N, C-alpha and C. Protein backbone atom coordinates (compact mmCIF):
# COMPACT_ATOMS: atom_id res chain seq x y z
N UNK A 1 185.84 128.13 126.08
CA UNK A 1 185.10 127.05 125.46
C UNK A 1 185.88 125.75 125.63
N UNK A 2 185.19 124.73 126.08
CA UNK A 2 185.79 123.42 126.35
C UNK A 2 185.43 122.46 125.22
N UNK A 3 186.43 121.77 124.65
CA UNK A 3 186.16 120.77 123.61
C UNK A 3 186.27 119.38 124.22
N UNK A 4 185.23 118.59 123.98
CA UNK A 4 185.20 117.21 124.46
C UNK A 4 185.29 116.30 123.25
N UNK A 5 186.39 115.57 123.13
CA UNK A 5 186.55 114.60 122.04
C UNK A 5 186.04 113.25 122.55
N UNK A 6 184.92 112.85 122.02
CA UNK A 6 184.26 111.63 122.48
C UNK A 6 185.19 110.42 122.37
N UNK A 7 185.94 110.31 121.28
CA UNK A 7 186.83 109.17 121.07
C UNK A 7 187.87 109.06 122.18
N UNK A 8 188.30 110.17 122.75
CA UNK A 8 189.29 110.15 123.83
C UNK A 8 188.71 109.63 125.14
N UNK A 9 187.40 109.68 125.27
CA UNK A 9 186.75 109.29 126.52
C UNK A 9 186.22 107.86 126.46
N UNK A 10 185.56 107.50 125.36
CA UNK A 10 184.93 106.18 125.29
C UNK A 10 185.46 105.30 124.16
N UNK A 11 186.40 105.78 123.39
CA UNK A 11 186.90 105.00 122.26
C UNK A 11 186.10 105.29 121.00
N UNK A 12 186.35 104.50 119.96
CA UNK A 12 185.73 104.80 118.67
C UNK A 12 184.34 104.19 118.50
N UNK A 13 183.88 103.41 119.47
CA UNK A 13 182.55 102.81 119.40
C UNK A 13 181.70 103.27 120.57
N UNK A 14 180.66 104.01 120.26
CA UNK A 14 179.71 104.51 121.27
C UNK A 14 178.50 103.58 121.23
N UNK A 15 178.62 102.44 121.90
CA UNK A 15 177.66 101.36 121.69
C UNK A 15 176.52 101.29 122.69
N UNK A 16 176.63 101.94 123.81
CA UNK A 16 175.57 101.72 124.78
C UNK A 16 175.42 102.78 125.84
N UNK A 17 174.58 102.44 126.79
CA UNK A 17 174.23 103.34 127.87
C UNK A 17 175.45 103.74 128.70
N UNK A 18 176.32 102.79 129.01
CA UNK A 18 177.47 103.09 129.88
C UNK A 18 178.35 104.18 129.29
N UNK A 19 178.63 104.09 127.99
CA UNK A 19 179.45 105.12 127.34
C UNK A 19 178.72 106.46 127.33
N UNK A 20 177.42 106.41 127.03
CA UNK A 20 176.62 107.63 127.02
C UNK A 20 176.56 108.28 128.38
N UNK A 21 176.41 107.47 129.42
CA UNK A 21 176.32 108.01 130.78
C UNK A 21 177.64 108.68 131.18
N UNK A 22 178.74 108.11 130.73
CA UNK A 22 180.05 108.71 131.01
C UNK A 22 180.12 110.11 130.39
N UNK A 23 179.64 110.24 129.16
CA UNK A 23 179.63 111.54 128.48
C UNK A 23 178.66 112.49 129.18
N UNK A 24 177.48 112.00 129.55
CA UNK A 24 176.52 112.83 130.27
C UNK A 24 177.15 113.40 131.53
N UNK A 25 177.81 112.56 132.31
CA UNK A 25 178.40 113.02 133.57
C UNK A 25 179.42 114.13 133.33
N UNK A 26 180.23 113.99 132.30
CA UNK A 26 181.22 115.02 131.98
C UNK A 26 180.54 116.30 131.53
N UNK A 27 179.60 116.18 130.59
CA UNK A 27 178.90 117.37 130.08
C UNK A 27 178.11 118.06 131.18
N UNK A 28 177.43 117.29 132.00
CA UNK A 28 176.66 117.86 133.10
C UNK A 28 177.56 118.65 134.05
N UNK A 29 178.72 118.09 134.38
CA UNK A 29 179.65 118.80 135.26
C UNK A 29 180.12 120.12 134.67
N UNK A 30 180.41 120.11 133.38
CA UNK A 30 180.85 121.35 132.72
C UNK A 30 179.71 122.36 132.61
N UNK A 31 178.50 121.88 132.33
CA UNK A 31 177.35 122.78 132.24
C UNK A 31 177.04 123.40 133.60
N UNK A 32 177.20 122.63 134.66
CA UNK A 32 176.98 123.18 136.01
C UNK A 32 177.97 124.30 136.33
N UNK A 33 179.13 124.27 135.68
CA UNK A 33 180.12 125.34 135.84
C UNK A 33 179.83 126.52 134.91
N UNK A 34 178.82 126.38 134.05
CA UNK A 34 178.46 127.45 133.13
C UNK A 34 179.32 127.52 131.88
N UNK A 35 180.07 126.46 131.60
CA UNK A 35 180.97 126.47 130.45
C UNK A 35 180.23 126.18 129.15
N UNK A 36 180.77 126.71 128.06
CA UNK A 36 180.30 126.39 126.72
C UNK A 36 181.15 125.22 126.22
N UNK A 37 180.50 124.25 125.58
CA UNK A 37 181.16 122.99 125.24
C UNK A 37 181.01 122.69 123.75
N UNK A 38 182.10 122.23 123.15
CA UNK A 38 182.07 121.69 121.79
C UNK A 38 182.23 120.17 121.92
N UNK A 39 181.24 119.43 121.42
CA UNK A 39 181.29 117.97 121.42
C UNK A 39 181.80 117.54 120.05
N UNK A 40 182.96 116.90 120.04
CA UNK A 40 183.61 116.50 118.78
C UNK A 40 183.51 114.99 118.61
N UNK A 41 182.85 114.57 117.52
CA UNK A 41 182.65 113.14 117.23
C UNK A 41 183.70 112.59 116.27
N UNK A 42 184.75 113.33 116.00
CA UNK A 42 185.79 112.86 115.08
C UNK A 42 186.38 111.54 115.58
N UNK A 43 186.52 110.58 114.68
CA UNK A 43 187.12 109.30 115.03
C UNK A 43 186.14 108.24 115.49
N UNK A 44 184.86 108.58 115.59
CA UNK A 44 183.86 107.60 116.02
C UNK A 44 183.46 106.75 114.81
N UNK A 45 183.59 105.44 114.96
CA UNK A 45 183.26 104.54 113.85
C UNK A 45 181.86 103.95 113.97
N UNK A 46 181.31 103.92 115.19
CA UNK A 46 179.97 103.38 115.39
C UNK A 46 179.34 104.07 116.59
N UNK A 47 178.05 104.37 116.47
CA UNK A 47 177.30 104.92 117.61
C UNK A 47 175.91 104.32 117.60
N UNK A 48 175.29 104.28 118.78
CA UNK A 48 173.96 103.68 118.91
C UNK A 48 172.98 104.67 119.53
N UNK A 49 171.71 104.37 119.37
CA UNK A 49 170.68 105.23 119.95
C UNK A 49 170.76 105.23 121.47
N UNK A 50 171.11 104.10 122.08
CA UNK A 50 171.20 104.09 123.54
C UNK A 50 172.32 105.00 124.04
N UNK A 51 173.39 105.12 123.28
CA UNK A 51 174.45 106.07 123.64
C UNK A 51 173.90 107.49 123.62
N UNK A 52 173.21 107.85 122.55
CA UNK A 52 172.67 109.20 122.43
C UNK A 52 171.60 109.49 123.47
N UNK A 53 170.76 108.50 123.77
CA UNK A 53 169.74 108.70 124.81
C UNK A 53 170.38 109.00 126.15
N UNK A 54 171.41 108.24 126.50
CA UNK A 54 172.07 108.44 127.79
C UNK A 54 172.88 109.73 127.84
N UNK A 55 173.59 110.03 126.77
CA UNK A 55 174.48 111.20 126.76
C UNK A 55 173.73 112.51 126.62
N UNK A 56 172.81 112.57 125.66
CA UNK A 56 172.19 113.85 125.31
C UNK A 56 170.71 113.93 125.68
N UNK A 57 170.00 112.82 125.58
CA UNK A 57 168.59 112.83 125.96
C UNK A 57 168.41 113.22 127.42
N UNK A 58 169.29 112.70 128.26
CA UNK A 58 169.22 113.03 129.69
C UNK A 58 169.47 114.53 129.93
N UNK A 59 170.31 115.14 129.11
CA UNK A 59 170.55 116.58 129.25
C UNK A 59 169.30 117.38 128.92
N UNK A 60 168.56 116.93 127.89
CA UNK A 60 167.32 117.61 127.50
C UNK A 60 166.30 117.54 128.63
N UNK A 61 166.25 116.41 129.30
CA UNK A 61 165.31 116.25 130.41
C UNK A 61 165.71 117.16 131.57
N UNK A 62 167.00 117.30 131.81
CA UNK A 62 167.48 118.06 132.97
C UNK A 62 167.51 119.58 132.75
N UNK A 63 167.88 120.02 131.55
CA UNK A 63 168.10 121.44 131.29
C UNK A 63 167.08 122.02 130.32
N UNK A 64 166.96 123.33 130.35
CA UNK A 64 166.14 124.06 129.39
C UNK A 64 166.79 123.98 128.01
N UNK A 65 165.98 123.78 126.99
CA UNK A 65 166.49 123.62 125.63
C UNK A 65 167.27 124.85 125.15
N UNK A 66 166.78 126.04 125.46
CA UNK A 66 167.47 127.27 125.05
C UNK A 66 168.86 127.35 125.68
N UNK A 67 168.97 126.94 126.93
CA UNK A 67 170.27 126.92 127.62
C UNK A 67 171.23 125.98 126.90
N UNK A 68 170.74 124.78 126.56
CA UNK A 68 171.59 123.80 125.88
C UNK A 68 172.00 124.28 124.49
N UNK A 69 171.08 124.92 123.77
CA UNK A 69 171.42 125.44 122.44
C UNK A 69 172.53 126.48 122.53
N UNK A 70 172.55 127.22 123.62
CA UNK A 70 173.57 128.24 123.82
C UNK A 70 174.91 127.63 124.26
N UNK A 71 174.85 126.59 125.06
CA UNK A 71 176.05 126.05 125.70
C UNK A 71 176.69 124.85 125.00
N UNK A 72 175.92 124.12 124.19
CA UNK A 72 176.44 122.92 123.53
C UNK A 72 176.56 123.13 122.03
N UNK A 73 177.72 122.82 121.50
CA UNK A 73 177.97 122.91 120.06
C UNK A 73 178.56 121.58 119.61
N UNK A 74 178.32 121.22 118.36
CA UNK A 74 178.71 119.91 117.87
C UNK A 74 179.60 120.03 116.64
N UNK A 75 180.53 119.08 116.54
CA UNK A 75 181.52 119.10 115.47
C UNK A 75 181.75 117.66 114.99
N UNK A 76 181.91 117.51 113.67
CA UNK A 76 182.23 116.21 113.07
C UNK A 76 181.14 115.16 113.30
N UNK A 77 179.89 115.57 113.21
CA UNK A 77 178.77 114.64 113.32
C UNK A 77 178.46 114.11 111.92
N UNK A 78 178.42 112.79 111.78
CA UNK A 78 178.04 112.18 110.50
C UNK A 78 176.53 112.29 110.33
N UNK A 79 176.04 111.94 109.16
CA UNK A 79 174.59 111.94 108.92
C UNK A 79 173.89 110.99 109.89
N UNK A 80 174.50 109.83 110.15
CA UNK A 80 173.91 108.88 111.10
C UNK A 80 173.91 109.47 112.51
N UNK A 81 175.00 110.12 112.90
CA UNK A 81 175.07 110.76 114.22
C UNK A 81 173.95 111.79 114.37
N UNK A 82 173.76 112.61 113.35
CA UNK A 82 172.71 113.64 113.40
C UNK A 82 171.33 113.00 113.52
N UNK A 83 171.10 111.91 112.79
CA UNK A 83 169.82 111.21 112.85
C UNK A 83 169.57 110.65 114.25
N UNK A 84 170.55 109.94 114.81
CA UNK A 84 170.39 109.36 116.14
C UNK A 84 170.23 110.44 117.20
N UNK A 85 171.00 111.51 117.06
CA UNK A 85 170.90 112.64 117.99
C UNK A 85 169.50 113.25 117.93
N UNK A 86 169.01 113.47 116.74
CA UNK A 86 167.68 114.06 116.56
C UNK A 86 166.59 113.18 117.17
N UNK A 87 166.67 111.88 116.94
CA UNK A 87 165.69 110.95 117.52
C UNK A 87 165.75 110.97 119.04
N UNK A 88 166.94 111.00 119.57
CA UNK A 88 167.11 111.03 121.02
C UNK A 88 166.52 112.30 121.62
N UNK A 89 166.74 113.42 120.97
CA UNK A 89 166.22 114.70 121.46
C UNK A 89 164.70 114.70 121.39
N UNK A 90 164.13 114.21 120.31
CA UNK A 90 162.67 114.15 120.19
C UNK A 90 162.06 113.30 121.29
N UNK A 91 162.65 112.15 121.55
CA UNK A 91 162.15 111.27 122.61
C UNK A 91 162.27 111.95 123.97
N UNK A 92 163.39 112.59 124.23
CA UNK A 92 163.60 113.25 125.52
C UNK A 92 162.61 114.39 125.72
N UNK A 93 162.30 115.13 124.67
CA UNK A 93 161.31 116.21 124.77
C UNK A 93 159.95 115.65 125.15
N UNK A 94 159.56 114.52 124.56
CA UNK A 94 158.28 113.89 124.89
C UNK A 94 158.25 113.45 126.34
N UNK A 95 159.33 112.85 126.79
CA UNK A 95 159.42 112.42 128.19
C UNK A 95 159.32 113.62 129.12
N UNK A 96 160.02 114.69 128.78
CA UNK A 96 160.01 115.90 129.61
C UNK A 96 158.60 116.49 129.69
N UNK A 97 157.88 116.50 128.57
CA UNK A 97 156.51 117.02 128.56
C UNK A 97 155.58 116.17 129.42
N UNK A 98 155.76 114.86 129.39
CA UNK A 98 154.92 113.97 130.18
C UNK A 98 155.17 114.11 131.67
N UNK A 99 156.42 114.38 132.03
CA UNK A 99 156.79 114.52 133.44
C UNK A 99 156.31 115.86 133.99
N UNK A 100 156.30 116.88 133.15
CA UNK A 100 155.95 118.24 133.61
C UNK A 100 154.49 118.37 133.98
């Protein structure tokens, strides 16, 4: 199991698409290897919906949801993080349905 500490990669502020895309690229590479990943949000002082859309919404569009539920685990998510993550996932599911 691989642990990804977001703060070590993008700092304590996850403010936009660029930071999210960096996380997506790392997670995507690990998922392509079949690894199970723990995403740790410890130390994050601010996050935005565009970060979550780029980092996690793109994963929902690319991968099967059951696969992601098996391979991705989350740690130290604040209530705001969970809310933004949930919104991002809902939006990505709608996009995926429209494309299919």
